[in-house]
Amino acid sequence: MAEQNGGKLLSGVSSKLDYLVVGEDAGSKLDKAKKLGTVHILSESEFLALIAQTESVH
């Protein structure tokens, strides 16, 4: 879904990451994203709402 809406998937958390979609056991990726302080952390429902908003614009 992310790629279909212009997103790019990354294998790890870094300063190049804008959004991280997390589930219940996000683990070390969530910890690293919080430490960076520049990554927007989204739940699955927040991600789906963002996608729906993006699709309604197009």
PDB file of N, CA and C in Angstrom:
ATOM      1  N   MET A   1       0.814  -1.200   0.000  1.00  0.00           N
ATOM      2  CA  MET A   1       0.000   0.000   0.000  1.00  0.00           C
ATOM      3  C   MET A   1       0.856   1.262   0.000  1.00  0.00           C
ATOM      4  N   ALA A   2       1.891   1.233   0.791  1.00  0.00           N
ATOM      5  CA  ALA A   2       2.757   2.415   0.865  1.00  0.00           C
ATOM      6  C   ALA A   2       3.384   2.698  -0.498  1.00  0.00           C
ATOM      7  N   GLU A   3       3.895   1.663  -1.134  1.00  0.00           N
ATOM      8  CA  GLU A   3       4.534   1.849  -2.444  1.00  0.00           C
ATOM      9  C   GLU A   3       3.527   2.297  -3.495  1.00  0.00           C
ATOM     10  N   GLN A   4       2.318   1.779  -3.432  1.00  0.00           N
ATOM     11  CA  GLN A   4       1.282   2.159  -4.400  1.00  0.00           C
ATOM     12  C   GLN A   4       0.898   3.628  -4.259  1.00  0.00           C
ATOM     13  N   ASN A   5       1.218   4.227  -3.123  1.00  0.00           N
ATOM     14  CA  ASN A   5       0.883   5.625  -2.872  1.00  0.00           C
ATOM     15  C   ASN A   5       2.119   6.512  -2.800  1.00  0.00           C
ATOM     16  N   GLY A   6       3.203   6.071  -3.449  1.00  0.00           N
ATOM     17  CA  GLY A   6       4.398   6.902  -3.557  1.00  0.00           C
ATOM     18  C   GLY A   6       5.436   6.695  -2.477  1.00  0.00           C
ATOM     19  N   GLY A   7       5.196   5.762  -1.570  1.00  0.00           N
ATOM     20  CA  GLY A   7       6.155   5.507  -0.503  1.00  0.00           C
ATOM     21  C   GLY A   7       7.253   4.563  -0.937  1.00  0.00           C
ATOM     22  N   LYS A   8       8.308   4.533  -0.162  1.00  0.00           N
ATOM     23  CA  LYS A   8       9.428   3.633  -0.418  1.00  0.00           C
ATOM     24  C   LYS A   8       9.686   2.852   0.861  1.00  0.00           C
ATOM     25  N   LEU A   9       9.816   1.543   0.743  1.00  0.00           N
ATOM     26  CA  LEU A   9      10.053   0.702   1.912  1.00  0.00           C
ATOM     27  C   LEU A   9      11.539   0.622   2.215  1.00  0.00           C
ATOM     28  N   LEU A  10      11.868   0.731   3.479  1.00  0.00           N
ATOM     29  CA  LEU A  10      13.250   0.603   3.925  1.00  0.00           C
ATOM     30  C   LEU A  10      13.350  -0.602   4.851  1.00  0.00           C
ATOM     31  N   SER A  11      14.511  -1.227   4.879  1.00  0.00           N
ATOM     32  CA  SER A  11      14.678  -2.425   5.711  1.00  0.00           C
ATOM     33  C   SER A  11      14.974  -2.095   7.164  1.00  0.00           C
ATOM     34  N   GLY A  12      15.435  -0.888   7.417  1.00  0.00           N
ATOM     35  CA  GLY A  12      15.787  -0.527   8.784  1.00  0.00           C
ATOM     36  C   GLY A  12      15.411   0.903   9.108  1.00  0.00           C
ATOM     37  N   VAL A  13      15.532   1.255  10.367  1.00  0.00           N
ATOM     38  CA  VAL A  13      15.213   2.600  10.842  1.00  0.00           C
ATOM     39  C   VAL A  13      16.463   3.459  10.755  1.00  0.00           C
ATOM     40  N   SER A  14      16.343   4.595  10.060  1.00  0.00           N
ATOM     41  CA  SER A  14      17.455   5.538   9.941  1.00  0.00           C
ATOM     42  C   SER A  14      16.879   6.940   9.757  1.00  0.00           C
ATOM     43  N   SER A  15      17.748   7.905   9.635  1.00  0.00           N
ATOM     44  CA  SER A  15      17.297   9.289   9.455  1.00  0.00           C
ATOM     45  C   SER A  15      16.594   9.488   8.107  1.00  0.00           C
ATOM     46  N   LYS A  16      16.707   8.523   7.204  1.00  0.00           N
ATOM     47  CA  LYS A  16      16.040   8.604   5.906  1.00  0.00           C
ATOM     48  C   LYS A  16      14.571   8.198   5.990  1.00  0.00           C
ATOM     49  N   LEU A  17      14.159   7.658   7.135  1.00  0.00           N
ATOM     50  CA  LEU A  17      12.800   7.163   7.320  1.00  0.00           C
ATOM     51  C   LEU A  17      11.889   8.290   7.795  1.00  0.00           C
ATOM     52  N   ASP A  18      10.729   8.431   7.145  1.00  0.00           N
ATOM     53  CA  ASP A  18       9.761   9.447   7.556  1.00  0.00           C
ATOM     54  C   ASP A  18       8.680   8.863   8.461  1.00  0.00           C
ATOM     55  N   TYR A  19       8.175   7.667   8.115  1.00  0.00           N
ATOM     56  CA  TYR A  19       7.083   7.027   8.857  1.00  0.00           C
ATOM     57  C   TYR A  19       7.451   5.592   9.214  1.00  0.00           C
ATOM     58  N   LEU A  20       7.054   5.178  10.421  1.00  0.00           N
ATOM     59  CA  LEU A  20       7.210   3.800  10.847  1.00  0.00           C
ATOM     60  C   LEU A  20       5.845   3.317  11.322  1.00  0.00           C
ATOM     61  N   VAL A  21       5.345   2.266  10.685  1.00  0.00           N
ATOM     62  CA  VAL A  21       4.076   1.672  11.083  1.00  0.00           C
ATOM     63  C   VAL A  21       4.398   0.532  12.039  1.00  0.00           C
ATOM     64  N   VAL A  22       3.826   0.595  13.240  1.00  0.00           N
ATOM     65  CA  VAL A  22       4.156  -0.379  14.273  1.00  0.00           C
ATOM     66  C   VAL A  22       2.932  -1.177  14.720  1.00  0.00           C
ATOM     67  N   GLY A  23       3.199  -2.408  15.110  1.00  0.00           N
ATOM     68  CA  GLY A  23       2.186  -3.272  15.695  1.00  0.00           C
ATOM     69  C   GLY A  23       2.437  -3.395  17.187  1.00  0.00           C
ATOM     70  N   GLU A  24       1.892  -4.449  17.789  1.00  0.00           N
ATOM     71  CA  GLU A  24       1.998  -4.626  19.234  1.00  0.00           C
ATOM     72  C   GLU A  24       3.422  -4.874  19.709  1.00  0.00           C
ATOM     73  N   ASP A  25       4.196  -5.681  19.000  1.00  0.00           N
ATOM     74  CA  ASP A  25       5.571  -5.989  19.402  1.00  0.00           C
ATOM     75  C   ASP A  25       6.565  -5.367  18.434  1.00  0.00           C
ATOM     76  N   ALA A  26       6.625  -4.050  18.415  1.00  0.00           N
ATOM     77  CA  ALA A  26       7.484  -3.341  17.464  1.00  0.00           C
ATOM     78  C   ALA A  26       8.965  -3.542  17.775  1.00  0.00           C
ATOM     79  N   GLY A  27       9.307  -3.686  19.025  1.00  0.00           N
ATOM     80  CA  GLY A  27      10.677  -4.005  19.421  1.00  0.00           C
ATOM     81  C   GLY A  27      11.697  -2.913  19.170  1.00  0.00           C
ATOM     82  N   SER A  28      12.876  -3.327  18.721  1.00  0.00           N
ATOM     83  CA  SER A  28      14.023  -2.429  18.613  1.00  0.00           C
ATOM     84  C   SER A  28      13.839  -1.346  17.553  1.00  0.00           C
ATOM     85  N   LYS A  29      13.060  -1.622  16.515  1.00  0.00           N
ATOM     86  CA  LYS A  29      12.847  -0.595  15.488  1.00  0.00           C
ATOM     87  C   LYS A  29      12.086   0.594  16.076  1.00  0.00           C
ATOM     88  N   LEU A  30      11.111   0.328  16.897  1.00  0.00           N
ATOM     89  CA  LEU A  30      10.368   1.406  17.557  1.00  0.00           C
ATOM     90  C   LEU A  30      11.286   2.179  18.490  1.00  0.00           C
ATOM     91  N   ASP A  31      12.105   1.477  19.251  1.00  0.00           N
ATOM     92  CA  ASP A  31      13.045   2.132  20.159  1.00  0.00           C
ATOM     93  C   ASP A  31      13.986   3.051  19.399  1.00  0.00           C
ATOM     94  N   LYS A  32      14.520   2.577  18.288  1.00  0.00           N
ATOM     95  CA  LYS A  32      15.452   3.378  17.493  1.00  0.00           C
ATOM     96  C   LYS A  32      14.752   4.594  16.898  1.00  0.00           C
ATOM     97  N   ALA A  33      13.513   4.416  16.416  1.00  0.00           N
ATOM     98  CA  ALA A  33      12.759   5.530  15.849  1.00  0.00           C
ATOM     99  C   ALA A  33      12.510   6.606  16.902  1.00  0.00           C
ATOM    100  N   LYS A  34      12.186   6.191  18.117  1.00  0.00           N
ATOM    101  CA  LYS A  34      11.973   7.153  19.204  1.00  0.00           C
ATOM    102  C   LYS A  34      13.253   7.910  19.525  1.00  0.00           C
ATOM    103  N   LYS A  35      14.387   7.212  19.511  1.00  0.00           N
ATOM    104  CA  LYS A  35      15.668   7.858  19.804  1.00  0.00           C
ATOM    105  C   LYS A  35      16.034   8.884  18.729  1.00  0.00           C
ATOM    106  N   LEU A  36      15.718   8.564  17.462  1.00  0.00           N
ATOM    107  CA  LEU A  36      16.018   9.508  16.384  1.00  0.00           C
ATOM    108  C   LEU A  36      15.203  10.782  16.544  1.00  0.00           C
ATOM    109  N   GLY A  37      13.951  10.640  16.946  1.00  0.00           N
ATOM    110  CA  GLY A  37      13.101  11.805  17.170  1.00  0.00           C
ATOM    111  C   GLY A  37      12.578  12.472  15.913  1.00  0.00           C
ATOM    112  N   THR A  38      12.896  11.934  14.742  1.00  0.00           N
ATOM    113  CA  THR A  38      12.464  12.556  13.483  1.00  0.00           C
ATOM    114  C   THR A  38      11.475  11.678  12.717  1.00  0.00           C
ATOM    115  N   VAL A  39      11.197  10.494  13.228  1.00  0.00           N
ATOM    116  CA  VAL A  39      10.337   9.536  12.539  1.00  0.00           C
ATOM    117  C   VAL A  39       8.922   9.632  13.098  1.00  0.00           C
ATOM    118  N   HIS A  40       7.935   9.761  12.192  1.00  0.00           N
ATOM    119  CA  HIS A  40       6.532   9.746  12.605  1.00  0.00           C
ATOM    120  C   HIS A  40       6.128   8.290  12.830  1.00  0.00           C
ATOM    121  N   ILE A  41       5.670   7.973  14.025  1.00  0.00           N
ATOM    122  CA  ILE A  41       5.295   6.611  14.378  1.00  0.00           C
ATOM    123  C   ILE A  41       3.778   6.481  14.286  1.00  0.00           C
ATOM    124  N   LEU A  42       3.330   5.511  13.477  1.00  0.00           N
ATOM    125  CA  LEU A  42       1.906   5.320  13.225  1.00  0.00           C
ATOM    126  C   LEU A  42       1.468   3.913  13.608  1.00  0.00           C
ATOM    127  N   SER A  43       0.247   3.814  14.106  1.00  0.00           N
ATOM    128  CA  SER A  43      -0.363   2.497  14.284  1.00  0.00           C
ATOM    129  C   SER A  43      -0.897   2.062  12.924  1.00  0.00           C
ATOM    130  N   GLU A  44      -1.317   0.819  12.816  1.00  0.00           N
ATOM    131  CA  GLU A  44      -1.874   0.343  11.552  1.00  0.00           C
ATOM    132  C   GLU A  44      -3.108   1.158  11.160  1.00  0.00           C
ATOM    133  N   SER A  45      -3.972   1.464  12.109  1.00  0.00           N
ATOM    134  CA  SER A  45      -5.183   2.228  11.789  1.00  0.00           C
ATOM    135  C   SER A  45      -4.848   3.648  11.350  1.00  0.00           C
ATOM    136  N   GLU A  46      -3.833   4.257  11.949  1.00  0.00           N
ATOM    137  CA  GLU A  46      -3.406   5.596  11.525  1.00  0.00           C
ATOM    138  C   GLU A  46      -2.830   5.554  10.110  1.00  0.00           C
ATOM    139  N   PHE A  47      -2.058   4.501   9.815  1.00  0.00           N
ATOM    140  CA  PHE A  47      -1.504   4.328   8.472  1.00  0.00           C
ATOM    141  C   PHE A  47      -2.620   4.186   7.442  1.00  0.00           C
ATOM    142  N   LEU A  48      -3.605   3.355   7.742  1.00  0.00           N
ATOM    143  CA  LEU A  48      -4.717   3.148   6.806  1.00  0.00           C
ATOM    144  C   LEU A  48      -5.502   4.439   6.586  1.00  0.00           C
ATOM    145  N   ALA A  49      -5.671   5.234   7.634  1.00  0.00           N
ATOM    146  CA  ALA A  49      -6.352   6.521   7.494  1.00  0.00           C
ATOM    147  C   ALA A  49      -5.542   7.464   6.612  1.00  0.00           C
ATOM    148  N   LEU A  50      -4.224   7.457   6.773  1.00  0.00           N
ATOM    149  CA  LEU A  50      -3.347   8.297   5.948  1.00  0.00           C
ATOM    150  C   LEU A  50      -3.432   7.881   4.479  1.00  0.00           C
ATOM    151  N   ILE A  51      -3.439   6.582   4.224  1.00  0.00           N
ATOM    152  CA  ILE A  51      -3.558   6.074   2.862  1.00  0.00           C
ATOM    153  C   ILE A  51      -4.901   6.487   2.270  1.00  0.00           C
ATOM    154  N   ALA A  52      -5.966   6.347   3.031  1.00  0.00           N
ATOM    155  CA  ALA A  52      -7.306   6.719   2.551  1.00  0.00           C
ATOM    156  C   ALA A  52      -7.349   8.203   2.214  1.00  0.00           C
ATOM    157  N   GLN A  53      -6.720   9.022   3.037  1.00  0.00           N
ATOM    158  CA  GLN A  53      -6.668  10.464   2.795  1.00  0.00           C
ATOM    159  C   GLN A  53      -5.893  10.766   1.515  1.00  0.00           C
ATOM    160  N   THR A  54      -4.773  10.078   1.328  1.00  0.00           N
ATOM    161  CA  THR A  54      -3.947  10.273   0.135  1.00  0.00           C
ATOM    162  C   THR A  54      -4.703   9.850  -1.119  1.00  0.00           C
ATOM    163  N   GLU A  55      -5.403   8.706  -1.042  1.00  0.00           N
ATOM    164  CA  GLU A  55      -6.138   8.206  -2.203  1.00  0.00           C
ATOM    165  C   GLU A  55      -7.302   9.131  -2.562  1.00  0.00           C
ATOM    166  N   SER A  56      -7.911   9.781  -1.588  1.00  0.00           N
ATOM    167  CA  SER A  56      -9.036  10.670  -1.880  1.00  0.00           C
ATOM    168  C   SER A  56      -8.589  11.946  -2.576  1.00  0.00           C
ATOM    169  N   VAL A  57      -7.317  12.310  -2.403  1.00  0.00           N
ATOM    170  CA  VAL A  57      -6.759  13.485  -3.066  1.00  0.00           C
ATOM    171  C   VAL A  57      -6.497  13.203  -4.538  1.00  0.00           C
ATOM    172  N   HIS A  58      -6.133  11.963  -4.847  1.00  0.00           N
ATOM    173  CA  HIS A  58      -5.779  11.597  -6.220  1.00  0.00           C
ATOM    174  C   HIS A  58      -6.985  11.246  -6.960  1.00  0.00           C
TER     175      HIS A  58
END
